Amino acid sequence: APAAQHTSALTGRTVVVIGGSAGI
């Protein structure tokens, strides 16, 4: 049987990072 593909809970989600150009 083919191996099941891992689907992350973030797949298809949109994340906004305010201050996302460096560091954390």
PDBML (XML) file of the C-alpha atoms, coordinates in Angstrom:
<?xml version="1.0" encoding="UTF-8" ?>
<PDBx:datablock datablockName="MODEL"
   xmlns:PDBx="http://pdbml.pdb.org/schema/pdbx-v50.xsd"
   xmlns:xsi="http://www.w3.org/2001/XMLSchema-instance"
   xsi:schemaLocation="http://pdbml.pdb.org/schema/pdbx-v50.xsd pdbx-v50.xsd">
   <PDBx:atom_siteCategory>
      <PDBx:atom_site id="1">
         <PDBx:B_iso_or_equiv>0.00</PDBx:B_iso_or_equiv>
         <PDBx:Cartn_x>0.000</PDBx:Cartn_x>
         <PDBx:Cartn_y>0.000</PDBx:Cartn_y>
         <PDBx:Cartn_z>0.000</PDBx:Cartn_z>
         <PDBx:auth_asym_id>A</PDBx:auth_asym_id>
         <PDBx:auth_atom_id>CA</PDBx:auth_atom_id>
         <PDBx:auth_comp_id>ALA</PDBx:auth_comp_id>
         <PDBx:auth_seq_id>1</PDBx:auth_seq_id>
         <PDBx:group_PDB>ATOM</PDBx:group_PDB>
         <PDBx:label_alt_id xsi:nil="true" />
         <PDBx:label_asym_id>A</PDBx:label_asym_id>
         <PDBx:label_atom_id>CA</PDBx:label_atom_id>
         <PDBx:label_comp_id>ALA</PDBx:label_comp_id>
         <PDBx:label_entity_id>1</PDBx:label_entity_id>
         <PDBx:label_seq_id>1</PDBx:label_seq_id>
         <PDBx:occupancy>1.00</PDBx:occupancy>
         <PDBx:pdbx_PDB_model_num>1</PDBx:pdbx_PDB_model_num>
         <PDBx:type_symbol>C</PDBx:type_symbol>
      </PDBx:atom_site>
      <PDBx:atom_site id="2">
         <PDBx:B_iso_or_equiv>0.00</PDBx:B_iso_or_equiv>
         <PDBx:Cartn_x>1.270</PDBx:Cartn_x>
         <PDBx:Cartn_y>3.485</PDBx:Cartn_y>
         <PDBx:Cartn_z>-0.771</PDBx:Cartn_z>
         <PDBx:auth_asym_id>A</PDBx:auth_asym_id>
         <PDBx:auth_atom_id>CA</PDBx:auth_atom_id>
         <PDBx:auth_comp_id>PRO</PDBx:auth_comp_id>
         <PDBx:auth_seq_id>2</PDBx:auth_seq_id>
         <PDBx:group_PDB>ATOM</PDBx:group_PDB>
         <PDBx:label_alt_id xsi:nil="true" />
         <PDBx:label_asym_id>A</PDBx:label_asym_id>
         <PDBx:label_atom_id>CA</PDBx:label_atom_id>
         <PDBx:label_comp_id>PRO</PDBx:label_comp_id>
         <PDBx:label_entity_id>1</PDBx:label_entity_id>
         <PDBx:label_seq_id>2</PDBx:label_seq_id>
         <PDBx:occupancy>1.00</PDBx:occupancy>
         <PDBx:pdbx_PDB_model_num>1</PDBx:pdbx_PDB_model_num>
         <PDBx:type_symbol>C</PDBx:type_symbol>
      </PDBx:atom_site>
      <PDBx:atom_site id="3">
         <PDBx:B_iso_or_equiv>0.00</PDBx:B_iso_or_equiv>
         <PDBx:Cartn_x>2.575</PDBx:Cartn_x>
         <PDBx:Cartn_y>5.424</PDBx:Cartn_y>
         <PDBx:Cartn_z>2.203</PDBx:Cartn_z>
         <PDBx:auth_asym_id>A</PDBx:auth_asym_id>
         <PDBx:auth_atom_id>CA</PDBx:auth_atom_id>
         <PDBx:auth_comp_id>ALA</PDBx:auth_comp_id>
         <PDBx:auth_seq_id>3</PDBx:auth_seq_id>
         <PDBx:group_PDB>ATOM</PDBx:group_PDB>
         <PDBx:label_alt_id xsi:nil="true" />
         <PDBx:label_asym_id>A</PDBx:label_asym_id>
         <PDBx:label_atom_id>CA</PDBx:label_atom_id>
         <PDBx:label_comp_id>ALA</PDBx:label_comp_id>
         <PDBx:label_entity_id>1</PDBx:label_entity_id>
         <PDBx:label_seq_id>3</PDBx:label_seq_id>
         <PDBx:occupancy>1.00</PDBx:occupancy>
         <PDBx:pdbx_PDB_model_num>1</PDBx:pdbx_PDB_model_num>
         <PDBx:type_symbol>C</PDBx:type_symbol>
      </PDBx:atom_site>
      <PDBx:atom_site id="4">
         <PDBx:B_iso_or_equiv>0.00</PDBx:B_iso_or_equiv>
         <PDBx:Cartn_x>0.104</PDBx:Cartn_x>
         <PDBx:Cartn_y>7.916</PDBx:Cartn_y>
         <PDBx:Cartn_z>3.611</PDBx:Cartn_z>
         <PDBx:auth_asym_id>A</PDBx:auth_asym_id>
         <PDBx:auth_atom_id>CA</PDBx:auth_atom_id>
         <PDBx:auth_comp_id>ALA</PDBx:auth_comp_id>
         <PDBx:auth_seq_id>4</PDBx:auth_seq_id>
         <PDBx:group_PDB>ATOM</PDBx:group_PDB>
         <PDBx:label_alt_id xsi:nil="true" />
         <PDBx:label_asym_id>A</PDBx:label_asym_id>
         <PDBx:label_atom_id>CA</PDBx:label_atom_id>
         <PDBx:label_comp_id>ALA</PDBx:label_comp_id>
         <PDBx:label_entity_id>1</PDBx:label_entity_id>
         <PDBx:label_seq_id>4</PDBx:label_seq_id>
         <PDBx:occupancy>1.00</PDBx:occupancy>
         <PDBx:pdbx_PDB_model_num>1</PDBx:pdbx_PDB_model_num>
         <PDBx:type_symbol>C</PDBx:type_symbol>
      </PDBx:atom_site>
      <PDBx:atom_site id="5">
         <PDBx:B_iso_or_equiv>0.00</PDBx:B_iso_or_equiv>
         <PDBx:Cartn_x>1.079</PDBx:Cartn_x>
         <PDBx:Cartn_y>11.511</PDBx:Cartn_y>
         <PDBx:Cartn_z>2.930</PDBx:Cartn_z>
         <PDBx:auth_asym_id>A</PDBx:auth_asym_id>
         <PDBx:auth_atom_id>CA</PDBx:auth_atom_id>
         <PDBx:auth_comp_id>GLN</PDBx:auth_comp_id>
         <PDBx:auth_seq_id>5</PDBx:auth_seq_id>
         <PDBx:group_PDB>ATOM</PDBx:group_PDB>
         <PDBx:label_alt_id xsi:nil="true" />
         <PDBx:label_asym_id>A</PDBx:label_asym_id>
         <PDBx:label_atom_id>CA</PDBx:label_atom_id>
         <PDBx:label_comp_id>GLN</PDBx:label_comp_id>
         <PDBx:label_entity_id>1</PDBx:label_entity_id>
         <PDBx:label_seq_id>5</PDBx:label_seq_id>
         <PDBx:occupancy>1.00</PDBx:occupancy>
         <PDBx:pdbx_PDB_model_num>1</PDBx:pdbx_PDB_model_num>
         <PDBx:type_symbol>C</PDBx:type_symbol>
      </PDBx:atom_site>
      <PDBx:atom_site id="6">
         <PDBx:B_iso_or_equiv>0.00</PDBx:B_iso_or_equiv>
         <PDBx:Cartn_x>1.505</PDBx:Cartn_x>
         <PDBx:Cartn_y>13.762</PDBx:Cartn_y>
         <PDBx:Cartn_z>5.960</PDBx:Cartn_z>
         <PDBx:auth_asym_id>A</PDBx:auth_asym_id>
         <PDBx:auth_atom_id>CA</PDBx:auth_atom_id>
         <PDBx:auth_comp_id>HIS</PDBx:auth_comp_id>
         <PDBx:auth_seq_id>6</PDBx:auth_seq_id>
         <PDBx:group_PDB>ATOM</PDBx:group_PDB>
         <PDBx:label_alt_id xsi:nil="true" />
         <PDBx:label_asym_id>A</PDBx:label_asym_id>
         <PDBx:label_atom_id>CA</PDBx:label_atom_id>
         <PDBx:label_comp_id>HIS</PDBx:label_comp_id>
         <PDBx:label_entity_id>1</PDBx:label_entity_id>
         <PDBx:label_seq_id>6</PDBx:label_seq_id>
         <PDBx:occupancy>1.00</PDBx:occupancy>
         <PDBx:pdbx_PDB_model_num>1</PDBx:pdbx_PDB_model_num>
         <PDBx:type_symbol>C</PDBx:type_symbol>
      </PDBx:atom_site>
      <PDBx:atom_site id="7">
         <PDBx:B_iso_or_equiv>0.00</PDBx:B_iso_or_equiv>
         <PDBx:Cartn_x>-0.883</PDBx:Cartn_x>
         <PDBx:Cartn_y>16.700</PDBx:Cartn_y>
         <PDBx:Cartn_z>5.993</PDBx:Cartn_z>
         <PDBx:auth_asym_id>A</PDBx:auth_asym_id>
         <PDBx:auth_atom_id>CA</PDBx:auth_atom_id>
         <PDBx:auth_comp_id>THR</PDBx:auth_comp_id>
         <PDBx:auth_seq_id>7</PDBx:auth_seq_id>
         <PDBx:group_PDB>ATOM</PDBx:group_PDB>
         <PDBx:label_alt_id xsi:nil="true" />
         <PDBx:label_asym_id>A</PDBx:label_asym_id>
         <PDBx:label_atom_id>CA</PDBx:label_atom_id>
         <PDBx:label_comp_id>THR</PDBx:label_comp_id>
         <PDBx:label_entity_id>1</PDBx:label_entity_id>
         <PDBx:label_seq_id>7</PDBx:label_seq_id>
         <PDBx:occupancy>1.00</PDBx:occupancy>
         <PDBx:pdbx_PDB_model_num>1</PDBx:pdbx_PDB_model_num>
         <PDBx:type_symbol>C</PDBx:type_symbol>
      </PDBx:atom_site>
      <PDBx:atom_site id="8">
         <PDBx:B_iso_or_equiv>0.00</PDBx:B_iso_or_equiv>
         <PDBx:Cartn_x>-0.018</PDBx:Cartn_x>
         <PDBx:Cartn_y>19.467</PDBx:Cartn_y>
         <PDBx:Cartn_z>8.418</PDBx:Cartn_z>
         <PDBx:auth_asym_id>A</PDBx:auth_asym_id>
         <PDBx:auth_atom_id>CA</PDBx:auth_atom_id>
         <PDBx:auth_comp_id>SER</PDBx:auth_comp_id>
         <PDBx:auth_seq_id>8</PDBx:auth_seq_id>
         <PDBx:group_PDB>ATOM</PDBx:group_PDB>
         <PDBx:label_alt_id xsi:nil="true" />
         <PDBx:label_asym_id>A</PDBx:label_asym_id>
         <PDBx:label_atom_id>CA</PDBx:label_atom_id>
         <PDBx:label_comp_id>SER</PDBx:label_comp_id>
         <PDBx:label_entity_id>1</PDBx:label_entity_id>
         <PDBx:label_seq_id>8</PDBx:label_seq_id>
         <PDBx:occupancy>1.00</PDBx:occupancy>
         <PDBx:pdbx_PDB_model_num>1</PDBx:pdbx_PDB_model_num>
         <PDBx:type_symbol>C</PDBx:type_symbol>
      </PDBx:atom_site>
      <PDBx:atom_site id="9">
         <PDBx:B_iso_or_equiv>0.00</PDBx:B_iso_or_equiv>
         <PDBx:Cartn_x>-2.671</PDBx:Cartn_x>
         <PDBx:Cartn_y>21.365</PDBx:Cartn_y>
         <PDBx:Cartn_z>10.339</PDBx:Cartn_z>
         <PDBx:auth_asym_id>A</PDBx:auth_asym_id>
         <PDBx:auth_atom_id>CA</PDBx:auth_atom_id>
         <PDBx:auth_comp_id>ALA</PDBx:auth_comp_id>
         <PDBx:auth_seq_id>9</PDBx:auth_seq_id>
         <PDBx:group_PDB>ATOM</PDBx:group_PDB>
         <PDBx:label_alt_id xsi:nil="true" />
         <PDBx:label_asym_id>A</PDBx:label_asym_id>
         <PDBx:label_atom_id>CA</PDBx:label_atom_id>
         <PDBx:label_comp_id>ALA</PDBx:label_comp_id>
         <PDBx:label_entity_id>1</PDBx:label_entity_id>
         <PDBx:label_seq_id>9</PDBx:label_seq_id>
         <PDBx:occupancy>1.00</PDBx:occupancy>
         <PDBx:pdbx_PDB_model_num>1</PDBx:pdbx_PDB_model_num>
         <PDBx:type_symbol>C</PDBx:type_symbol>
      </PDBx:atom_site>
      <PDBx:atom_site id="10">
         <PDBx:B_iso_or_equiv>0.00</PDBx:B_iso_or_equiv>
         <PDBx:Cartn_x>-1.286</PDBx:Cartn_x>
         <PDBx:Cartn_y>24.486</PDBx:Cartn_y>
         <PDBx:Cartn_z>8.639</PDBx:Cartn_z>
         <PDBx:auth_asym_id>A</PDBx:auth_asym_id>
         <PDBx:auth_atom_id>CA</PDBx:auth_atom_id>
         <PDBx:auth_comp_id>LEU</PDBx:auth_comp_id>
         <PDBx:auth_seq_id>10</PDBx:auth_seq_id>
         <PDBx:group_PDB>ATOM</PDBx:group_PDB>
         <PDBx:label_alt_id xsi:nil="true" />
         <PDBx:label_asym_id>A</PDBx:label_asym_id>
         <PDBx:label_atom_id>CA</PDBx:label_atom_id>
         <PDBx:label_comp_id>LEU</PDBx:label_comp_id>
         <PDBx:label_entity_id>1</PDBx:label_entity_id>
         <PDBx:label_seq_id>10</PDBx:label_seq_id>
         <PDBx:occupancy>1.00</PDBx:occupancy>
         <PDBx:pdbx_PDB_model_num>1</PDBx:pdbx_PDB_model_num>
         <PDBx:type_symbol>C</PDBx:type_symbol>
      </PDBx:atom_site>
      <PDBx:atom_site id="11">
         <PDBx:B_iso_or_equiv>0.00</PDBx:B_iso_or_equiv>
         <PDBx:Cartn_x>-1.807</PDBx:Cartn_x>
         <PDBx:Cartn_y>23.228</PDBx:Cartn_y>
         <PDBx:Cartn_z>5.100</PDBx:Cartn_z>
         <PDBx:auth_asym_id>A</PDBx:auth_asym_id>
         <PDBx:auth_atom_id>CA</PDBx:auth_atom_id>
         <PDBx:auth_comp_id>THR</PDBx:auth_comp_id>
         <PDBx:auth_seq_id>11</PDBx:auth_seq_id>
         <PDBx:group_PDB>ATOM</PDBx:group_PDB>
         <PDBx:label_alt_id xsi:nil="true" />
         <PDBx:label_asym_id>A</PDBx:label_asym_id>
         <PDBx:label_atom_id>CA</PDBx:label_atom_id>
         <PDBx:label_comp_id>THR</PDBx:label_comp_id>
         <PDBx:label_entity_id>1</PDBx:label_entity_id>
         <PDBx:label_seq_id>11</PDBx:label_seq_id>
         <PDBx:occupancy>1.00</PDBx:occupancy>
         <PDBx:pdbx_PDB_model_num>1</PDBx:pdbx_PDB_model_num>
         <PDBx:type_symbol>C</PDBx:type_symbol>
      </PDBx:atom_site>
      <PDBx:atom_site id="12">
         <PDBx:B_iso_or_equiv>0.00</PDBx:B_iso_or_equiv>
         <PDBx:Cartn_x>-3.997</PDBx:Cartn_x>
         <PDBx:Cartn_y>25.731</PDBx:Cartn_y>
         <PDBx:Cartn_z>3.301</PDBx:Cartn_z>
         <PDBx:auth_asym_id>A</PDBx:auth_asym_id>
         <PDBx:auth_atom_id>CA</PDBx:auth_atom_id>
         <PDBx:auth_comp_id>GLY</PDBx:auth_comp_id>
         <PDBx:auth_seq_id>12</PDBx:auth_seq_id>
         <PDBx:group_PDB>ATOM</PDBx:group_PDB>
         <PDBx:label_alt_id xsi:nil="true" />
         <PDBx:label_asym_id>A</PDBx:label_asym_id>
         <PDBx:label_atom_id>CA</PDBx:label_atom_id>
         <PDBx:label_comp_id>GLY</PDBx:label_comp_id>
         <PDBx:label_entity_id>1</PDBx:label_entity_id>
         <PDBx:label_seq_id>12</PDBx:label_seq_id>
         <PDBx:occupancy>1.00</PDBx:occupancy>
         <PDBx:pdbx_PDB_model_num>1</PDBx:pdbx_PDB_model_num>
         <PDBx:type_symbol>C</PDBx:type_symbol>
      </PDBx:atom_site>
      <PDBx:atom_site id="13">
         <PDBx:B_iso_or_equiv>0.00</PDBx:B_iso_or_equiv>
         <PDBx:Cartn_x>-3.966</PDBx:Cartn_x>
         <PDBx:Cartn_y>28.152</PDBx:Cartn_y>
         <PDBx:Cartn_z>6.254</PDBx:Cartn_z>
         <PDBx:auth_asym_id>A</PDBx:auth_asym_id>
         <PDBx:auth_atom_id>CA</PDBx:auth_atom_id>
         <PDBx:auth_comp_id>ARG</PDBx:auth_comp_id>
         <PDBx:auth_seq_id>13</PDBx:auth_seq_id>
         <PDBx:group_PDB>ATOM</PDBx:group_PDB>
         <PDBx:label_alt_id xsi:nil="true" />
         <PDBx:label_asym_id>A</PDBx:label_asym_id>
         <PDBx:label_atom_id>CA</PDBx:label_atom_id>
         <PDBx:label_comp_id>ARG</PDBx:label_comp_id>
         <PDBx:label_entity_id>1</PDBx:label_entity_id>
         <PDBx:label_seq_id>13</PDBx:label_seq_id>
         <PDBx:occupancy>1.00</PDBx:occupancy>
         <PDBx:pdbx_PDB_model_num>1</PDBx:pdbx_PDB_model_num>
         <PDBx:type_symbol>C</PDBx:type_symbol>
      </PDBx:atom_site>
      <PDBx:atom_site id="14">
         <PDBx:B_iso_or_equiv>0.00</PDBx:B_iso_or_equiv>
         <PDBx:Cartn_x>-2.846</PDBx:Cartn_x>
         <PDBx:Cartn_y>31.777</PDBx:Cartn_y>
         <PDBx:Cartn_z>6.101</PDBx:Cartn_z>
         <PDBx:auth_asym_id>A</PDBx:auth_asym_id>
         <PDBx:auth_atom_id>CA</PDBx:auth_atom_id>
         <PDBx:auth_comp_id>THR</PDBx:auth_comp_id>
         <PDBx:auth_seq_id>14</PDBx:auth_seq_id>
         <PDBx:group_PDB>ATOM</PDBx:group_PDB>
         <PDBx:label_alt_id xsi:nil="true" />
         <PDBx:label_asym_id>A</PDBx:label_asym_id>
         <PDBx:label_atom_id>CA</PDBx:label_atom_id>
         <PDBx:label_comp_id>THR</PDBx:label_comp_id>
         <PDBx:label_entity_id>1</PDBx:label_entity_id>
         <PDBx:label_seq_id>14</PDBx:label_seq_id>
         <PDBx:occupancy>1.00</PDBx:occupancy>
         <PDBx:pdbx_PDB_model_num>1</PDBx:pdbx_PDB_model_num>
         <PDBx:type_symbol>C</PDBx:type_symbol>
      </PDBx:atom_site>
      <PDBx:atom_site id="15">
         <PDBx:B_iso_or_equiv>0.00</PDBx:B_iso_or_equiv>
         <PDBx:Cartn_x>-0.377</PDBx:Cartn_x>
         <PDBx:Cartn_y>33.077</PDBx:Cartn_y>
         <PDBx:Cartn_z>8.673</PDBx:Cartn_z>
         <PDBx:auth_asym_id>A</PDBx:auth_asym_id>
         <PDBx:auth_atom_id>CA</PDBx:auth_atom_id>
         <PDBx:auth_comp_id>VAL</PDBx:auth_comp_id>
         <PDBx:auth_seq_id>15</PDBx:auth_seq_id>
         <PDBx:group_PDB>ATOM</PDBx:group_PDB>
         <PDBx:label_alt_id xsi:nil="true" />
         <PDBx:label_asym_id>A</PDBx:label_asym_id>
         <PDBx:label_atom_id>CA</PDBx:label_atom_id>
         <PDBx:label_comp_id>VAL</PDBx:label_comp_id>
         <PDBx:label_entity_id>1</PDBx:label_entity_id>
         <PDBx:label_seq_id>15</PDBx:label_seq_id>
         <PDBx:occupancy>1.00</PDBx:occupancy>
         <PDBx:pdbx_PDB_model_num>1</PDBx:pdbx_PDB_model_num>
         <PDBx:type_symbol>C</PDBx:type_symbol>
      </PDBx:atom_site>
      <PDBx:atom_site id="16">
         <PDBx:B_iso_or_equiv>0.00</PDBx:B_iso_or_equiv>
         <PDBx:Cartn_x>0.388</PDBx:Cartn_x>
         <PDBx:Cartn_y>36.783</PDBx:Cartn_y>
         <PDBx:Cartn_z>9.107</PDBx:Cartn_z>
         <PDBx:auth_asym_id>A</PDBx:auth_asym_id>
         <PDBx:auth_atom_id>CA</PDBx:auth_atom_id>
         <PDBx:auth_comp_id>VAL</PDBx:auth_comp_id>
         <PDBx:auth_seq_id>16</PDBx:auth_seq_id>
         <PDBx:group_PDB>ATOM</PDBx:group_PDB>
         <PDBx:label_alt_id xsi:nil="true" />
         <PDBx:label_asym_id>A</PDBx:label_asym_id>
         <PDBx:label_atom_id>CA</PDBx:label_atom_id>
         <PDBx:label_comp_id>VAL</PDBx:label_comp_id>
         <PDBx:label_entity_id>1</PDBx:label_entity_id>
         <PDBx:label_seq_id>16</PDBx:label_seq_id>
         <PDBx:occupancy>1.00</PDBx:occupancy>
         <PDBx:pdbx_PDB_model_num>1</PDBx:pdbx_PDB_model_num>
         <PDBx:type_symbol>C</PDBx:type_symbol>
      </PDBx:atom_site>
      <PDBx:atom_site id="17">
         <PDBx:B_iso_or_equiv>0.00</PDBx:B_iso_or_equiv>
         <PDBx:Cartn_x>3.676</PDBx:Cartn_x>
         <PDBx:Cartn_y>37.643</PDBx:Cartn_y>
         <PDBx:Cartn_z>10.834</PDBx:Cartn_z>
         <PDBx:auth_asym_id>A</PDBx:auth_asym_id>
         <PDBx:auth_atom_id>CA</PDBx:auth_atom_id>
         <PDBx:auth_comp_id>VAL</PDBx:auth_comp_id>
         <PDBx:auth_seq_id>17</PDBx:auth_seq_id>
         <PDBx:group_PDB>ATOM</PDBx:group_PDB>
         <PDBx:label_alt_id xsi:nil="true" />
         <PDBx:label_asym_id>A</PDBx:label_asym_id>
         <PDBx:label_atom_id>CA</PDBx:label_atom_id>
         <PDBx:label_comp_id>VAL</PDBx:label_comp_id>
         <PDBx:label_entity_id>1</PDBx:label_entity_id>
         <PDBx:label_seq_id>17</PDBx:label_seq_id>
         <PDBx:occupancy>1.00</PDBx:occupancy>
         <PDBx:pdbx_PDB_model_num>1</PDBx:pdbx_PDB_model_num>
         <PDBx:type_symbol>C</PDBx:type_symbol>
      </PDBx:atom_site>
      <PDBx:atom_site id="18">
         <PDBx:B_iso_or_equiv>0.00</PDBx:B_iso_or_equiv>
         <PDBx:Cartn_x>3.946</PDBx:Cartn_x>
         <PDBx:Cartn_y>41.274</PDBx:Cartn_y>
         <PDBx:Cartn_z>11.893</PDBx:Cartn_z>
         <PDBx:auth_asym_id>A</PDBx:auth_asym_id>
         <PDBx:auth_atom_id>CA</PDBx:auth_atom_id>
         <PDBx:auth_comp_id>ILE</PDBx:auth_comp_id>
         <PDBx:auth_seq_id>18</PDBx:auth_seq_id>
         <PDBx:group_PDB>ATOM</PDBx:group_PDB>
         <PDBx:label_alt_id xsi:nil="true" />
         <PDBx:label_asym_id>A</PDBx:label_asym_id>
         <PDBx:label_atom_id>CA</PDBx:label_atom_id>
         <PDBx:label_comp_id>ILE</PDBx:label_comp_id>
         <PDBx:label_entity_id>1</PDBx:label_entity_id>
         <PDBx:label_seq_id>18</PDBx:label_seq_id>
         <PDBx:occupancy>1.00</PDBx:occupancy>
         <PDBx:pdbx_PDB_model_num>1</PDBx:pdbx_PDB_model_num>
         <PDBx:type_symbol>C</PDBx:type_symbol>
      </PDBx:atom_site>
      <PDBx:atom_site id="19">
         <PDBx:B_iso_or_equiv>0.00</PDBx:B_iso_or_equiv>
         <PDBx:Cartn_x>7.660</PDBx:Cartn_x>
         <PDBx:Cartn_y>41.902</PDBx:Cartn_y>
         <PDBx:Cartn_z>12.221</PDBx:Cartn_z>
         <PDBx:auth_asym_id>A</PDBx:auth_asym_id>
         <PDBx:auth_atom_id>CA</PDBx:auth_atom_id>
         <PDBx:auth_comp_id>GLY</PDBx:auth_comp_id>
         <PDBx:auth_seq_id>19</PDBx:auth_seq_id>
         <PDBx:group_PDB>ATOM</PDBx:group_PDB>
         <PDBx:label_alt_id xsi:nil="true" />
         <PDBx:label_asym_id>A</PDBx:label_asym_id>
         <PDBx:label_atom_id>CA</PDBx:label_atom_id>
         <PDBx:label_comp_id>GLY</PDBx:label_comp_id>
         <PDBx:label_entity_id>1</PDBx:label_entity_id>
         <PDBx:label_seq_id>19</PDBx:label_seq_id>
         <PDBx:occupancy>1.00</PDBx:occupancy>
         <PDBx:pdbx_PDB_model_num>1</PDBx:pdbx_PDB_model_num>
         <PDBx:type_symbol>C</PDBx:type_symbol>
      </PDBx:atom_site>
      <PDBx:atom_site id="20">
         <PDBx:B_iso_or_equiv>0.00</PDBx:B_iso_or_equiv>
         <PDBx:Cartn_x>8.551</PDBx:Cartn_x>
         <PDBx:Cartn_y>38.924</PDBx:Cartn_y>
         <PDBx:Cartn_z>10.057</PDBx:Cartn_z>
         <PDBx:auth_asym_id>A</PDBx:auth_asym_id>
         <PDBx:auth_atom_id>CA</PDBx:auth_atom_id>
         <PDBx:auth_comp_id>GLY</PDBx:auth_comp_id>
         <PDBx:auth_seq_id>20</PDBx:auth_seq_id>
         <PDBx:group_PDB>ATOM</PDBx:group_PDB>
         <PDBx:label_alt_id xsi:nil="true" />
         <PDBx:label_asym_id>A</PDBx:label_asym_id>
         <PDBx:label_atom_id>CA</PDBx:label_atom_id>
         <PDBx:label_comp_id>GLY</PDBx:label_comp_id>
         <PDBx:label_entity_id>1</PDBx:label_entity_id>
         <PDBx:label_seq_id>20</PDBx:label_seq_id>
         <PDBx:occupancy>1.00</PDBx:occupancy>
         <PDBx:pdbx_PDB_model_num>1</PDBx:pdbx_PDB_model_num>
         <PDBx:type_symbol>C</PDBx:type_symbol>
      </PDBx:atom_site>
      <PDBx:atom_site id="21">
         <PDBx:B_iso_or_equiv>0.00</PDBx:B_iso_or_equiv>
         <PDBx:Cartn_x>11.670</PDBx:Cartn_x>
         <PDBx:Cartn_y>40.120</PDBx:Cartn_y>
         <PDBx:Cartn_z>8.267</PDBx:Cartn_z>
         <PDBx:auth_asym_id>A</PDBx:auth_asym_id>
         <PDBx:auth_atom_id>CA</PDBx:auth_atom_id>
         <PDBx:auth_comp_id>SER</PDBx:auth_comp_id>
         <PDBx:auth_seq_id>21</PDBx:auth_seq_id>
         <PDBx:group_PDB>ATOM</PDBx:group_PDB>
         <PDBx:label_alt_id xsi:nil="true" />
         <PDBx:label_asym_id>A</PDBx:label_asym_id>
         <PDBx:label_atom_id>CA</PDBx:label_atom_id>
         <PDBx:label_comp_id>SER</PDBx:label_comp_id>
         <PDBx:label_entity_id>1</PDBx:label_entity_id>
         <PDBx:label_seq_id>21</PDBx:label_seq_id>
         <PDBx:occupancy>1.00</PDBx:occupancy>
         <PDBx:pdbx_PDB_model_num>1</PDBx:pdbx_PDB_model_num>
         <PDBx:type_symbol>C</PDBx:type_symbol>
      </PDBx:atom_site>
      <PDBx:atom_site id="22">
         <PDBx:B_iso_or_equiv>0.00</PDBx:B_iso_or_equiv>
         <PDBx:Cartn_x>14.224</PDBx:Cartn_x>
         <PDBx:Cartn_y>38.799</PDBx:Cartn_y>
         <PDBx:Cartn_z>10.784</PDBx:Cartn_z>
         <PDBx:auth_asym_id>A</PDBx:auth_asym_id>
         <PDBx:auth_atom_id>CA</PDBx:auth_atom_id>
         <PDBx:auth_comp_id>ALA</PDBx:auth_comp_id>
         <PDBx:auth_seq_id>22</PDBx:auth_seq_id>
         <PDBx:group_PDB>ATOM</PDBx:group_PDB>
         <PDBx:label_alt_id xsi:nil="true" />
         <PDBx:label_asym_id>A</PDBx:label_asym_id>
         <PDBx:label_atom_id>CA</PDBx:label_atom_id>
         <PDBx:label_comp_id>ALA</PDBx:label_comp_id>
         <PDBx:label_entity_id>1</PDBx:label_entity_id>
         <PDBx:label_seq_id>22</PDBx:label_seq_id>
         <PDBx:occupancy>1.00</PDBx:occupancy>
         <PDBx:pdbx_PDB_model_num>1</PDBx:pdbx_PDB_model_num>
         <PDBx:type_symbol>C</PDBx:type_symbol>
      </PDBx:atom_site>
      <PDBx:atom_site id="23">
         <PDBx:B_iso_or_equiv>0.00</PDBx:B_iso_or_equiv>
         <PDBx:Cartn_x>14.757</PDBx:Cartn_x>
         <PDBx:Cartn_y>36.805</PDBx:Cartn_y>
         <PDBx:Cartn_z>13.960</PDBx:Cartn_z>
         <PDBx:auth_asym_id>A</PDBx:auth_asym_id>
         <PDBx:auth_atom_id>CA</PDBx:auth_atom_id>
         <PDBx:auth_comp_id>GLY</PDBx:auth_comp_id>
         <PDBx:auth_seq_id>23</PDBx:auth_seq_id>
         <PDBx:group_PDB>ATOM</PDBx:group_PDB>
         <PDBx:label_alt_id xsi:nil="true" />
         <PDBx:label_asym_id>A</PDBx:label_asym_id>
         <PDBx:label_atom_id>CA</PDBx:label_atom_id>
         <PDBx:label_comp_id>GLY</PDBx:label_comp_id>
         <PDBx:label_entity_id>1</PDBx:label_entity_id>
         <PDBx:label_seq_id>23</PDBx:label_seq_id>
         <PDBx:occupancy>1.00</PDBx:occupancy>
         <PDBx:pdbx_PDB_model_num>1</PDBx:pdbx_PDB_model_num>
         <PDBx:type_symbol>C</PDBx:type_symbol>
      </PDBx:atom_site>
      <PDBx:atom_site id="24">
         <PDBx:B_iso_or_equiv>0.00</PDBx:B_iso_or_equiv>
         <PDBx:Cartn_x>11.842</PDBx:Cartn_x>
         <PDBx:Cartn_y>35.028</PDBx:Cartn_y>
         <PDBx:Cartn_z>15.611</PDBx:Cartn_z>
         <PDBx:auth_asym_id>A</PDBx:auth_asym_id>
         <PDBx:auth_atom_id>CA</PDBx:auth_atom_id>
         <PDBx:auth_comp_id>ILE</PDBx:auth_comp_id>
         <PDBx:auth_seq_id>24</PDBx:auth_seq_id>
         <PDBx:group_PDB>ATOM</PDBx:group_PDB>
         <PDBx:label_alt_id xsi:nil="true" />
         <PDBx:label_asym_id>A</PDBx:label_asym_id>
         <PDBx:label_atom_id>CA</PDBx:label_atom_id>
         <PDBx:label_comp_id>ILE</PDBx:label_comp_id>
         <PDBx:label_entity_id>1</PDBx:label_entity_id>
         <PDBx:label_seq_id>24</PDBx:label_seq_id>
         <PDBx:occupancy>1.00</PDBx:occupancy>
         <PDBx:pdbx_PDB_model_num>1</PDBx:pdbx_PDB_model_num>
         <PDBx:type_symbol>C</PDBx:type_symbol>
      </PDBx:atom_site>
   </PDBx:atom_siteCategory>
</PDBx:datablock>
